[in-house]
C-alpha atoms as a PDB file:
ATOM      1  CA  MET A   1       4.079  50.473 105.802  1.00  0.00           C
ATOM      2  CA  LYS A   2       1.669  52.914 107.464  1.00  0.00           C
ATOM      3  CA  THR A   3       4.535  55.083 108.735  1.00  0.00           C
ATOM      4  CA  VAL A   4       6.414  55.334 105.441  1.00  0.00           C
ATOM      5  CA  PHE A   5       4.155  57.857 103.722  1.00  0.00           C
ATOM      6  CA  PRO A   6       4.150  60.430 106.586  1.00  0.00           C
ATOM      7  CA  ILE A   7       7.939  60.220 106.839  1.00  0.00           C
ATOM      8  CA  ILE A   8       8.355  60.727 103.103  1.00  0.00           C
ATOM      9  CA  LEU A   9       5.893  63.627 103.205  1.00  0.00           C
ATOM     10  CA  VAL A  10       7.850  65.328 105.992  1.00  0.00           C
ATOM     11  CA  LEU A  11      11.113  64.902 104.084  1.00  0.00           C
ATOM     12  CA  VAL A  12       9.566  66.384 100.934  1.00  0.00           C
ATOM     13  CA  LEU A  13       8.234  69.352 102.878  1.00  0.00           C
ATOM     14  CA  LEU A  14      11.585  69.950 104.558  1.00  0.00           C
ATOM     15  CA  SER A  15      13.339  69.732 101.209  1.00  0.00           C
ATOM     16  CA  SER A  16      10.848  72.182  99.710  1.00  0.00           C
ATOM     17  CA  CYS A  17      11.418  74.624 102.562  1.00  0.00           C
ATOM     18  CA  ALA A  18      15.200  74.396 102.078  1.00  0.00           C
ATOM     19  CA  VAL A  19      14.843  75.227  98.397  1.00  0.00           C
ATOM     20  CA  LYS A  20      12.540  78.155  99.113  1.00  0.00           C
ATOM     21  CA  LYS A  21      15.002  79.527 101.647  1.00  0.00           C
ATOM     22  CA  GLN A  22      17.561  80.026  98.879  1.00  0.00           C
ATOM     23  CA  SER A  23      15.015  81.210  96.279  1.00  0.00           C
ATOM     24  CA  LEU A  24      14.918  84.841  97.348  1.00  0.00           C
ATOM     25  CA  LEU A  25      13.383  87.716  95.446  1.00  0.00           C
ATOM     26  CA  PRO A  26      15.789  89.773  93.293  1.00  0.00           C
ATOM     27  CA  VAL A  27      17.453  92.758  94.924  1.00  0.00           C
ATOM     28  CA  LYS A  28      15.694  95.956  93.849  1.00  0.00           C
ATOM     29  CA  SER A  29      17.793  98.559  95.660  1.00  0.00           C
ATOM     30  CA  ILE A  30      20.199  99.227  98.501  1.00  0.00           C
ATOM     31  CA  GLU A  31      19.394 101.298 101.574  1.00  0.00           C
ATOM     32  CA  THR A  32      22.366 102.761 103.474  1.00  0.00           C
ATOM     33  CA  LYS A  33      22.891 104.389 106.861  1.00  0.00           C
ATOM     34  CA  VAL A  34      26.226 106.006 107.708  1.00  0.00           C
ATOM     35  CA  LEU A  35      27.337 105.000 111.211  1.00  0.00           C
ATOM     36  CA  ASN A  36      30.680 106.773 111.431  1.00  0.00           C
ATOM     37  CA  THR A  37      32.349 109.607 109.518  1.00  0.00           C
ATOM     38  CA  ASP A  38      35.929 110.654 110.182  1.00  0.00           C
ATOM     39  CA  THR A  39      39.289 110.532 108.428  1.00  0.00           C
ATOM     40  CA  LEU A  40      39.643 106.802 109.014  1.00  0.00           C
ATOM     41  CA  ALA A  41      40.131 104.656 105.895  1.00  0.00           C
ATOM     42  CA  ILE A  42      39.074 101.027 106.400  1.00  0.00           C
ATOM     43  CA  ARG A  43      40.056  98.050 104.252  1.00  0.00           C
ATOM     44  CA  ALA A  44      39.978  95.364 106.973  1.00  0.00           C
ATOM     45  CA  LEU A  45      36.448  94.197 107.835  1.00  0.00           C
ATOM     46  CA  ASP A  46      35.057  90.883 109.090  1.00  0.00           C
ATOM     47  CA  TYR A  47      31.868  89.559 110.693  1.00  0.00           C
ATOM     48  CA  LYS A  48      31.200  86.882 113.281  1.00  0.00           C
ATOM     49  CA  ASP A  49      28.545  86.149 115.904  1.00  0.00           C
ATOM     50  CA  GLY A  50      26.578  89.374 115.683  1.00  0.00           C
ATOM     51  CA  SER A  51      29.469  91.830 115.396  1.00  0.00           C
ATOM     52  CA  TYR A  52      31.454  93.431 112.597  1.00  0.00           C
ATOM     53  CA  TRP A  53      35.113  94.094 113.381  1.00  0.00           C
ATOM     54  CA  PHE A  54      37.295  96.569 111.520  1.00  0.00           C
ATOM     55  CA  ALA A  55      40.801  98.041 111.497  1.00  0.00           C
ATOM     56  CA  GLY A  56      42.269 100.959 109.602  1.00  0.00           C
ATOM     57  CA  MET A  57      44.686 103.858 109.573  1.00  0.00           C
ATOM     58  CA  GLY A  58      46.376 105.311 112.629  1.00  0.00           C
ATOM     59  CA  GLY A  59      46.161 102.114 114.656  1.00  0.00           C
ATOM     60  CA  HIS A  60      42.392 102.405 114.965  1.00  0.00           C
ATOM     61  CA  TYR A  61      40.212  99.329 115.321  1.00  0.00           C
ATOM     62  CA  GLY A  62      36.769  98.540 116.641  1.00  0.00           C
ATOM     63  CA  SER A  63      33.449  96.796 116.243  1.00  0.00           C
ATOM     64  CA  VAL A  64      29.850  97.373 115.260  1.00  0.00           C
ATOM     65  CA  ALA A  65      27.126  95.307 116.926  1.00  0.00           C
ATOM     66  CA  ALA A  66      24.663  94.411 114.188  1.00  0.00           C
ATOM     67  CA  SER A  67      21.717  94.802 116.566  1.00  0.00           C
ATOM     68  CA  GLU A  68      22.742  98.238 117.882  1.00  0.00           C
ATOM     69  CA  GLU A  69      24.321  99.855 114.808  1.00  0.00           C
ATOM     70  CA  ARG A  70      26.779 101.635 117.115  1.00  0.00           C
ATOM     71  CA  VAL A  71      30.493 101.965 116.369  1.00  0.00           C
ATOM     72  CA  VAL A  72      32.845 101.207 119.278  1.00  0.00           C
ATOM     73  CA  LYS A  73      36.362 102.380 118.402  1.00  0.00           C
ATOM     74  CA  SER A  74      39.735 101.870 120.121  1.00  0.00           C
ATOM     75  CA  ARG A  75      43.375 102.541 119.335  1.00  0.00           C
ATOM     76  CA  LEU A  76      46.461 100.365 119.408  1.00  0.00           C
ATOM     77  CA  PRO A  77      49.698 101.237 121.258  1.00  0.00           C
ATOM     78  CA  GLU A  78      51.723 104.231 120.076  1.00  0.00           C
ATOM     79  CA  ILE A  79      54.124 102.175 117.935  1.00  0.00           C
ATOM     80  CA  ALA A  80      51.154 101.174 115.749  1.00  0.00           C
ATOM     81  CA  GLN A  81      49.577 104.587 115.363  1.00  0.00           C
ATOM     82  CA  ASN A  82      51.498 105.560 112.233  1.00  0.00           C
ATOM     83  CA  LEU A  83      50.646 102.311 110.488  1.00  0.00           C
ATOM     84  CA  GLU A  84      47.816 101.208 108.235  1.00  0.00           C
ATOM     85  CA  PHE A  85      46.023  98.002 109.211  1.00  0.00           C
ATOM     86  CA  ARG A  86      44.589  96.136 106.219  1.00  0.00           C
ATOM     87  CA  SER A  87      44.316  92.515 107.404  1.00  0.00           C
ATOM     88  CA  ILE A  88      41.789  91.076 109.850  1.00  0.00           C
ATOM     89  CA  ALA A  89      40.441  87.707 111.000  1.00  0.00           C
ATOM     90  CA  VAL A  90      37.733  87.168 113.606  1.00  0.00           C
ATOM     91  CA  THR A  91      37.450  83.837 115.447  1.00  0.00           C
ATOM     92  CA  ASP A  92      35.287  82.690 118.358  1.00  0.00           C
ATOM     93  CA  SER A  93      37.574  84.208 121.006  1.00  0.00           C
ATOM     94  CA  TYR A  94      39.864  86.671 119.204  1.00  0.00           C
ATOM     95  CA  THR A  95      40.175  89.338 116.570  1.00  0.00           C
ATOM     96  CA  TYR A  96      43.534  89.355 114.760  1.00  0.00           C
ATOM     97  CA  ILE A  97      44.678  92.459 112.874  1.00  0.00           C
ATOM     98  CA  MET A  98      47.885  93.236 110.954  1.00  0.00           C
ATOM     99  CA  SER A  99      49.490  96.261 109.361  1.00  0.00           C
ATOM    100  CA  ALA A 100      50.484  96.249 105.708  1.00  0.00           C
ATOM    101  CA  GLY A 101      53.914  97.877 105.435  1.00  0.00           C
ATOM    102  CA  SER A 102      57.090  97.956 107.485  1.00  0.00           C
ATOM    103  CA  PRO A 103      57.221  97.561 110.375  1.00  0.00           C
ATOM    104  CA  ALA A 104      54.586  94.846 109.972  1.00  0.00           C
ATOM    105  CA  LEU A 105      52.834  94.316 113.301  1.00  0.00           C
ATOM    106  CA  CYS A 106      50.186  91.730 114.159  1.00  0.00           C
ATOM    107  CA  TYR A 107      47.918  92.049 117.204  1.00  0.00           C
ATOM    108  CA  ARG A 108      45.558  89.631 118.932  1.00  0.00           C
ATOM    109  CA  LEU A 109      42.524  91.179 120.620  1.00  0.00           C
ATOM    110  CA  ASP A 110      40.793  89.095 123.277  1.00  0.00           C
ATOM    111  CA  LYS A 111      37.071  89.666 122.661  1.00  0.00           C
ATOM    112  CA  LYS A 112      36.121  88.691 126.210  1.00  0.00           C
ATOM    113  CA  THR A 113      38.661  90.682 128.237  1.00  0.00           C
ATOM    114  CA  GLY A 114      39.572  93.428 125.764  1.00  0.00           C
ATOM    115  CA  ASN A 115      43.277  92.681 126.220  1.00  0.00           C
ATOM    116  CA  VAL A 116      45.546  93.519 123.273  1.00  0.00           C
ATOM    117  CA  ALA A 117      48.787  91.635 122.613  1.00  0.00           C
ATOM    118  CA  GLU A 118      51.400  92.133 119.912  1.00  0.00           C
ATOM    119  CA  ILE A 119      52.088  88.642 118.568  1.00  0.00           C
ATOM    120  CA  TYR A 120      54.267  89.217 115.488  1.00  0.00           C
ATOM    121  CA  ARG A 121      56.693  91.844 114.244  1.00  0.00           C
ATOM    122  CA  ASP A 122      58.565  92.021 110.920  1.00  0.00           C
ATOM    123  CA  MET A 123      61.030  94.913 110.721  1.00  0.00           C
ATOM    124  CA  ASP A 124      62.330  94.101 107.236  1.00  0.00           C
ATOM    125  CA  GLU A 125      61.927  97.212 105.071  1.00  0.00           C
ATOM    126  CA  ARG A 126      60.592  94.979 102.283  1.00  0.00           C
ATOM    127  CA  ALA A 127      57.753  93.629 104.429  1.00  0.00           C
ATOM    128  CA  PHE A 128      54.252  94.171 103.080  1.00  0.00           C
ATOM    129  CA  TYR A 129      51.388  91.942 104.218  1.00  0.00           C
ATOM    130  CA  ASP A 130      48.124  91.812 102.293  1.00  0.00           C
ATOM    131  CA  ALA A 131      45.565  89.558 103.987  1.00  0.00           C
ATOM    132  CA  MET A 132      44.923  86.973 106.683  1.00  0.00           C
ATOM    133  CA  LYS A 133      42.405  84.219 107.423  1.00  0.00           C
ATOM    134  CA  PHE A 134      41.946  81.951 110.445  1.00  0.00           C
ATOM    135  CA  TRP A 135      40.258  78.557 110.493  1.00  0.00           C
ATOM    136  CA  ASN A 136      39.677  78.762 114.245  1.00  0.00           C
ATOM    137  CA  ASP A 137      41.149  80.350 117.389  1.00  0.00           C
ATOM    138  CA  ARG A 138      44.521  78.674 116.844  1.00  0.00           C
ATOM    139  CA  GLU A 139      45.109  78.025 113.123  1.00  0.00           C
ATOM    140  CA  GLY A 140      45.686  80.882 110.713  1.00  0.00           C
ATOM    141  CA  ILE A 141      47.514  82.001 107.580  1.00  0.00           C
ATOM    142  CA  ILE A 142      48.852  85.383 106.461  1.00  0.00           C
ATOM    143  CA  MET A 143      49.860  86.381 102.924  1.00  0.00           C
ATOM    144  CA  GLY A 144      52.626  88.893 102.206  1.00  0.00           C
ATOM    145  CA  ASP A 145      54.408  90.196  99.126  1.00  0.00           C
ATOM    146  CA  PRO A 146      57.502  88.340  97.845  1.00  0.00           C
ATOM    147  CA  MET A 147      60.741  88.347  99.808  1.00  0.00           C
ATOM    148  CA  ASP A 148      63.641  85.914  99.415  1.00  0.00           C
ATOM    149  CA  ASP A 149      62.408  84.441  96.108  1.00  0.00           C
ATOM    150  CA  CYS A 150      58.834  83.598  97.133  1.00  0.00           C
ATOM    151  CA  PHE A 151      55.711  85.079  98.678  1.00  0.00           C
ATOM    152  CA  SER A 152      55.878  85.626 102.434  1.00  0.00           C
ATOM    153  CA  ILE A 153      53.358  83.156 103.829  1.00  0.00           C
ATOM    154  CA  LEU A 154      53.038  82.910 107.608  1.00  0.00           C
ATOM    155  CA  LYS A 155      51.240  80.118 109.464  1.00  0.00           C
ATOM    156  CA  THR A 156      50.321  79.660 113.110  1.00  0.00           C
ATOM    157  CA  THR A 157      48.844  76.661 114.910  1.00  0.00           C
ATOM    158  CA  ASP A 158      48.857  78.115 118.429  1.00  0.00           C
ATOM    159  CA  GLY A 159      46.789  81.278 118.172  1.00  0.00           C
ATOM    160  CA  GLY A 160      49.659  83.461 117.067  1.00  0.00           C
ATOM    161  CA  ASN A 161      52.048  82.681 119.918  1.00  0.00           C
ATOM    162  CA  THR A 162      54.431  81.530 117.201  1.00  0.00           C
ATOM    163  CA  PHE A 163      54.460  81.932 113.415  1.00  0.00           C
ATOM    164  CA  THR A 164      56.295  79.857 110.827  1.00  0.00           C
ATOM    165  CA  LYS A 165      57.202  81.290 107.433  1.00  0.00           C
ATOM    166  CA  ILE A 166      56.704  78.789 104.606  1.00  0.00           C
ATOM    167  CA  ASN A 167      60.024  77.771 103.085  1.00  0.00           C
ATOM    168  CA  CYS A 168      60.478  78.922  99.488  1.00  0.00           C
ATOM    169  CA  ASP A 169      61.322  75.358  98.486  1.00  0.00           C
ATOM    170  CA  ALA A 170      57.760  74.344  99.381  1.00  0.00           C
ATOM    171  CA  PHE A 171      56.103  77.183  97.457  1.00  0.00           C
ATOM    172  CA  PRO A 172      55.828  77.725  93.683  1.00  0.00           C
ATOM    173  CA  ASP A 173      58.184  80.322  92.243  1.00  0.00           C
ATOM    174  CA  PHE A 174      56.856  83.832  91.889  1.00  0.00           C
ATOM    175  CA  VAL A 175      57.396  85.910  88.776  1.00  0.00           C
ATOM    176  CA  GLU A 176      59.459  89.095  89.065  1.00  0.00           C
ATOM    177  CA  GLY A 177      56.927  91.907  89.344  1.00  0.00           C
ATOM    178  CA  GLU A 178      54.173  89.665  90.759  1.00  0.00           C
ATOM    179  CA  ALA A 179      52.723  90.712  94.116  1.00  0.00           C
ATOM    180  CA  ALA A 180      49.373  91.102  95.863  1.00  0.00           C
ATOM    181  CA  PHE A 181      47.064  94.009  96.704  1.00  0.00           C
ATOM    182  CA  ALA A 182      46.124  94.853 100.288  1.00  0.00           C
ATOM    183  CA  ALA A 183      42.835  96.241  99.013  1.00  0.00           C
ATOM    184  CA  SER A 184      40.225  94.525 101.199  1.00  0.00           C
ATOM    185  CA  ASN A 185      41.743  91.542 103.063  1.00  0.00           C
ATOM    186  CA  SER A 186      40.378  89.390 100.229  1.00  0.00           C
ATOM    187  CA  ASN A 187      43.511  87.908  98.649  1.00  0.00           C
ATOM    188  CA  ILE A 188      42.885  84.750 100.682  1.00  0.00           C
ATOM    189  CA  ALA A 189      39.913  82.378 100.695  1.00  0.00           C
ATOM    190  CA  ILE A 190      39.533  79.269 102.861  1.00  0.00           C
ATOM    191  CA  VAL A 191      37.014  76.393 102.735  1.00  0.00           C
ATOM    192  CA  GLY A 192      37.655  73.463 105.054  1.00  0.00           C
ATOM    193  CA  ASP A 193      41.293  72.431 104.689  1.00  0.00           C
ATOM    194  CA  GLU A 194      41.644  74.264 101.379  1.00  0.00           C
ATOM    195  CA  VAL A 195      43.150  77.727 100.928  1.00  0.00           C
ATOM    196  CA  TRP A 196      43.580  79.930  97.858  1.00  0.00           C
ATOM    197  CA  LEU A 197      45.803  83.010  97.372  1.00  0.00           C
ATOM    198  CA  ALA A 198      45.337  85.586  94.592  1.00  0.00           C
ATOM    199  CA  THR A 199      48.022  87.758  92.957  1.00  0.00           C
ATOM    200  CA  GLY A 200      48.452  90.618  90.520  1.00  0.00           C
ATOM    201  CA  GLY A 201      51.046  92.813  88.886  1.00  0.00           C
ATOM    202  CA  LYS A 202      53.116  91.026  86.274  1.00  0.00           C
ATOM    203  CA  ARG A 203      50.885  87.929  86.553  1.00  0.00           C
ATOM    204  CA  ALA A 204      47.358  87.298  87.834  1.00  0.00           C
ATOM    205  CA  ARG A 205      47.536  83.842  89.382  1.00  0.00           C
ATOM    206  CA  VAL A 206      45.830  81.732  92.039  1.00  0.00           C
ATOM    207  CA  PHE A 207      47.884  79.586  94.430  1.00  0.00           C
ATOM    208  CA  HIS A 208      46.054  76.626  95.973  1.00  0.00           C
ATOM    209  CA  SER A 209      46.662  74.293  98.906  1.00  0.00           C
ATOM    210  CA  THR A 210      44.469  71.357  99.923  1.00  0.00           C
ATOM    211  CA  ASP A 211      46.225  70.801 103.278  1.00  0.00           C
ATOM    212  CA  ARG A 212      46.087  74.181 105.022  1.00  0.00           C
ATOM    213  CA  GLY A 213      49.222  75.520 103.395  1.00  0.00           C
ATOM    214  CA  THR A 214      51.637  72.604 103.602  1.00  0.00           C
ATOM    215  CA  THR A 215      51.825  71.949  99.844  1.00  0.00           C
ATOM    216  CA  TRP A 216      50.925  74.285  96.986  1.00  0.00           C
ATOM    217  CA  SER A 217      50.076  74.448  93.292  1.00  0.00           C
ATOM    218  CA  VAL A 218      49.479  77.498  91.070  1.00  0.00           C
ATOM    219  CA  VAL A 219      47.495  78.350  87.938  1.00  0.00           C
ATOM    220  CA  ASP A 220      47.337  81.386  85.660  1.00  0.00           C
ATOM    221  CA  THR A 221      44.013  83.181  85.326  1.00  0.00           C
ATOM    222  CA  PRO A 222      42.678  85.263  82.412  1.00  0.00           C
ATOM    223  CA  ILE A 223      42.431  88.411  84.570  1.00  0.00           C
ATOM    224  CA  ILE A 224      44.272  91.413  83.098  1.00  0.00           C
ATOM    225  CA  ALA A 225      47.936  91.509  84.182  1.00  0.00           C
ATOM    226  CA  GLY A 226      51.270  92.997  83.209  1.00  0.00           C
ATOM    227  CA  GLY A 227      51.047  96.427  84.845  1.00  0.00           C
ATOM    228  CA  ALA A 228      51.959  97.409  88.373  1.00  0.00           C
ATOM    229  CA  MET A 229      48.296  97.985  89.303  1.00  0.00           C
ATOM    230  CA  THR A 230      46.606  95.196  87.339  1.00  0.00           C
ATOM    231  CA  GLY A 231      45.440  91.797  88.466  1.00  0.00           C
ATOM    232  CA  ILE A 232      43.225  90.125  91.060  1.00  0.00           C
ATOM    233  CA  PHE A 233      42.220  92.422  93.899  1.00  0.00           C
ATOM    234  CA  ALA A 234      39.696  90.136  95.627  1.00  0.00           C
ATOM    235  CA  MET A 235      38.467  86.549  95.730  1.00  0.00           C
ATOM    236  CA  ASP A 236      35.754  84.490  97.399  1.00  0.00           C
ATOM    237  CA  PHE A 237      34.734  80.834  97.368  1.00  0.00           C
ATOM    238  CA  TYR A 238      31.204  79.629  98.019  1.00  0.00           C
ATOM    239  CA  ASP A 239      32.401  76.050  98.532  1.00  0.00           C
ATOM    240  CA  ALA A 240      35.403  73.940  97.573  1.00  0.00           C
ATOM    241  CA  LYS A 241      34.450  74.089  93.885  1.00  0.00           C
ATOM    242  CA  GLN A 242      32.728  77.397  93.128  1.00  0.00           C
ATOM    243  CA  GLY A 243      34.746  80.594  93.361  1.00  0.00           C
ATOM    244  CA  ILE A 244      35.040  84.076  91.886  1.00  0.00           C
ATOM    245  CA  ILE A 245      37.866  86.590  91.409  1.00  0.00           C
ATOM    246  CA  ILE A 246      37.668  90.282  90.538  1.00  0.00           C
ATOM    247  CA  GLY A 247      39.941  93.265  90.105  1.00  0.00           C
ATOM    248  CA  GLY A 248      41.098  94.909  86.917  1.00  0.00           C
ATOM    249  CA  ASN A 249      43.307  97.887  86.287  1.00  0.00           C
ATOM    250  CA  TRP A 250      43.401 100.405  89.121  1.00  0.00           C
ATOM    251  CA  GLU A 251      44.854 102.992  86.737  1.00  0.00           C
ATOM    252  CA  ASP A 252      41.995 102.492  84.247  1.00  0.00           C
ATOM    253  CA  LYS A 253      38.984 101.656  86.391  1.00  0.00           C
ATOM    254  CA  ASN A 254      36.567 101.642  83.439  1.00  0.00           C
ATOM    255  CA  ASP A 255      38.381  98.737  81.755  1.00  0.00           C
ATOM    256  CA  THR A 256      36.056  95.726  82.011  1.00  0.00           C
ATOM    257  CA  SER A 257      37.687  93.604  79.320  1.00  0.00           C
ATOM    258  CA  ALA A 258      39.135  91.011  81.692  1.00  0.00           C
ATOM    259  CA  ASN A 259      38.492  91.922  85.315  1.00  0.00           C
ATOM    260  CA  LYS A 260      36.297  89.092  86.627  1.00  0.00           C
ATOM    261  CA  ALA A 261      36.301  85.304  86.332  1.00  0.00           C
ATOM    262  CA  VAL A 262      34.745  82.232  87.915  1.00  0.00           C
ATOM    263  CA  THR A 263      35.780  78.655  88.625  1.00  0.00           C
ATOM    264  CA  MET A 264      33.614  75.580  89.068  1.00  0.00           C
ATOM    265  CA  ASP A 265      36.435  73.105  89.697  1.00  0.00           C
ATOM    266  CA  GLY A 266      38.128  74.479  92.792  1.00  0.00           C
ATOM    267  CA  GLY A 267      40.430  76.874  90.953  1.00  0.00           C
ATOM    268  CA  LYS A 268      41.970  74.483  88.449  1.00  0.00           C
ATOM    269  CA  THR A 269      40.490  76.549  85.603  1.00  0.00           C
ATOM    270  CA  TRP A 270      39.088  80.070  85.451  1.00  0.00           C
ATOM    271  CA  ASN A 271      36.729  81.551  82.862  1.00  0.00           C
ATOM    272  CA  LEU A 272      36.099  85.242  82.234  1.00  0.00           C
ATOM    273  CA  ILE A 273      32.583  86.563  82.802  1.00  0.00           C
ATOM    274  CA  GLY A 274      30.983  89.879  81.870  1.00  0.00           C
ATOM    275  CA  ILE A 275      33.590  90.762  79.242  1.00  0.00           C
ATOM    276  CA  GLY A 276      33.148  94.445  78.448  1.00  0.00           C
ATOM    277  CA  THR A 277      30.331  94.892  80.987  1.00  0.00           C
ATOM    278  CA  THR A 278      30.150  96.096  84.571  1.00  0.00           C
ATOM    279  CA  PRO A 279      31.180  95.757  87.328  1.00  0.00           C
ATOM    280  CA  LYS A 280      34.130  98.020  86.703  1.00  0.00           C
ATOM    281  CA  TYR A 281      37.301  97.795  88.790  1.00  0.00           C
ATOM    282  CA  CYS A 282      36.440  96.339  92.209  1.00  0.00           C
ATOM    283  CA  SER A 283      38.453  95.849  95.396  1.00  0.00           C
ATOM    284  CA  ASP A 284      36.177  93.340  97.149  1.00  0.00           C
ATOM    285  CA  ILE A 285      33.688  90.596  96.334  1.00  0.00           C
ATOM    286  CA  MET A 286      31.623  88.112  98.343  1.00  0.00           C
ATOM    287  CA  TYR A 287      28.958  85.430  97.982  1.00  0.00           C
ATOM    288  CA  ILE A 288      25.846  86.651  99.773  1.00  0.00           C
ATOM    289  CA  PRO A 289      25.025  84.333 102.713  1.00  0.00           C
ATOM    290  CA  GLY A 290      21.972  82.120 102.432  1.00  0.00           C
ATOM    291  CA  THR A 291      21.618  82.372  98.657  1.00  0.00           C
ATOM    292  CA  GLY A 292      23.086  79.045  97.594  1.00  0.00           C
ATOM    293  CA  GLY A 293      26.037  80.588  95.775  1.00  0.00           C
ATOM    294  CA  ASN A 294      23.729  82.358  93.336  1.00  0.00           C
ATOM    295  CA  GLU A 295      24.018  85.912  94.664  1.00  0.00           C
ATOM    296  CA  ILE A 296      27.202  87.970  94.778  1.00  0.00           C
ATOM    297  CA  LEU A 297      28.071  91.512  95.884  1.00  0.00           C
ATOM    298  CA  ALA A 298      30.987  93.368  94.254  1.00  0.00           C
ATOM    299  CA  VAL A 299      32.378  96.556  95.783  1.00  0.00           C
ATOM    300  CA  GLY A 300      34.848  99.170  94.622  1.00  0.00           C
ATOM    301  CA  SER A 301      35.586 102.850  94.291  1.00  0.00           C
ATOM    302  CA  GLU A 302      33.212 102.977  91.313  1.00  0.00           C
ATOM    303  CA  GLY A 303      30.175 101.585  93.141  1.00  0.00           C
ATOM    304  CA  VAL A 304      28.382  98.497  94.455  1.00  0.00           C
ATOM    305  CA  TRP A 305      26.958  95.784  92.161  1.00  0.00           C
ATOM    306  CA  TRP A 306      24.668  92.799  92.770  1.00  0.00           C
ATOM    307  CA  SER A 307      24.405  89.573  90.779  1.00  0.00           C
ATOM    308  CA  GLY A 308      21.659  86.985  91.185  1.00  0.00           C
ATOM    309  CA  ASP A 309      22.956  84.465  88.648  1.00  0.00           C
ATOM    310  CA  LYS A 310      26.434  83.496  89.832  1.00  0.00           C
ATOM    311  CA  GLY A 311      28.057  86.555  88.252  1.00  0.00           C
ATOM    312  CA  MET A 312      26.710  86.216  84.723  1.00  0.00           C
ATOM    313  CA  SER A 313      24.842  89.542  84.904  1.00  0.00           C
ATOM    314  CA  TRP A 314      25.019  92.477  87.307  1.00  0.00           C
ATOM    315  CA  LYS A 315      22.952  95.373  88.613  1.00  0.00           C
ATOM    316  CA  LEU A 316      24.442  98.653  89.851  1.00  0.00           C
ATOM    317  CA  LEU A 317      23.022  99.422  93.296  1.00  0.00           C
ATOM    318  CA  THR A 318      24.885 102.654  94.016  1.00  0.00           C
ATOM    319  CA  GLU A 319      27.677 104.736  92.490  1.00  0.00           C
ATOM    320  CA  LYS A 320      28.967 105.510  95.985  1.00  0.00           C
ATOM    321  CA  GLY A 321      32.370 103.885  96.333  1.00  0.00           C
ATOM    322  CA  TYR A 322      33.688 101.648  99.116  1.00  0.00           C
ATOM    323  CA  TYR A 323      36.740  99.462  99.756  1.00  0.00           C
ATOM    324  CA  THR A 324      35.251  96.415 101.451  1.00  0.00           C
ATOM    325  CA  VAL A 325      32.036  94.653 102.478  1.00  0.00           C
ATOM    326  CA  SER A 326      30.809  92.011 104.923  1.00  0.00           C
ATOM    327  CA  MET A 327      27.319  90.562 105.545  1.00  0.00           C
ATOM    328  CA  GLU A 328      25.552  88.685 108.337  1.00  0.00           C
ATOM    329  CA  ASP A 329      22.676  87.343 106.211  1.00  0.00           C
ATOM    330  CA  ALA A 330      21.102  87.656 102.779  1.00  0.00           C
ATOM    331  CA  SER A 331      19.968  91.248 103.287  1.00  0.00           C
ATOM    332  CA  HIS A 332      22.030  93.019 105.972  1.00  0.00           C
ATOM    333  CA  GLY A 333      25.681  94.068 106.014  1.00  0.00           C
ATOM    334  CA  VAL A 334      28.326  96.734 106.468  1.00  0.00           C
ATOM    335  CA  LEU A 335      30.315  98.650 103.855  1.00  0.00           C
ATOM    336  CA  ALA A 336      33.553 100.418 104.739  1.00  0.00           C
ATOM    337  CA  GLY A 337      35.890 102.738 102.894  1.00  0.00           C
ATOM    338  CA  ARG A 338      37.365 106.187 103.081  1.00  0.00           C
ATOM    339  CA  ASN A 339      35.817 108.277 105.862  1.00  0.00           C
ATOM    340  CA  SER A 340      32.844 106.024 106.513  1.00  0.00           C
ATOM    341  CA  ILE A 341      31.400 102.882 108.073  1.00  0.00           C
ATOM    342  CA  THR A 342      27.975 102.300 106.533  1.00  0.00           C
ATOM    343  CA  ARG A 343      25.186  99.886 107.467  1.00  0.00           C
ATOM    344  CA  PHE A 344      23.096  98.638 104.540  1.00  0.00           C
ATOM    345  CA  VAL A 345      20.004  96.643 103.689  1.00  0.00           C
ATOM    346  CA  LEU A 346      19.330  94.979 100.345  1.00  0.00           C
ATOM    347  CA  ASN A 347      15.689  95.656  99.485  1.00  0.00           C
ATOM    348  CA  ARG A 348      13.935  92.810  97.661  1.00  0.00           C
END
């Protein structure tokens, strides 16, 4: 009995520390530092193990070491230099990047050796790929616009040595005029074995698989849809239940009537938030690491917004526009967009 009380006390203290770790002060402002300025537009950005990786126009790709704040840039082979790369996935050993339009090319970059290998090519003039995610070095999924009566979904289980396109019979029917937006590599979210895909255009829907893309279901969302440039532009999940989607109408970026929604049941149902209030149109969104799913950052051409209450209310941090964002912890990250790669700190 003498050892019970000290053990309980330690557990209480550890529990208290865990709670405090997620109870951060509100964000007061954002501090930015431009690391690179050129004509490069970047919509593909990802972070892992101390480095941010990016890919963009003209076959350019590279990395930013979080500790050094120095951009290291390279260029893909000549065949890729007229293409725009908008999809990226960083694993322990590799960085995978893919171009959006035809020809659609996918490359695997070996982070240790620097070797670059082309691992997939789609020459179909209809090809347009929007986003990719990898669970690990070997297993990944890529989302593309509809061809042959369904969305073009590619899977690999061997690190990209081979890809299998999901048969249309195994995927819910798309609606004529429904597609996806290669706005920030955020049409896909993965948590464990689960994967979600977001669409726009004629319909704004979320496709869901609980077995890494073998079987699928789909639900409509209340996000604005019906026009060529309306719908869901980005999505993130904090865990298997809590998720958020954002977008709007690219042709009317001030329309906030139905451009953001949340789910608390893994995507079975979606509820609009912030009806008629900012954020405006956004191309990317993410749960801020280490904040227990409470804090969110939304990014778009109209600015950067922060929420500390799961998206119920928002604060404009800057009117400077960006395409995409990634963070290494609760305060530090990188923003990317047209002509810039920018390091930032959230001041609390």
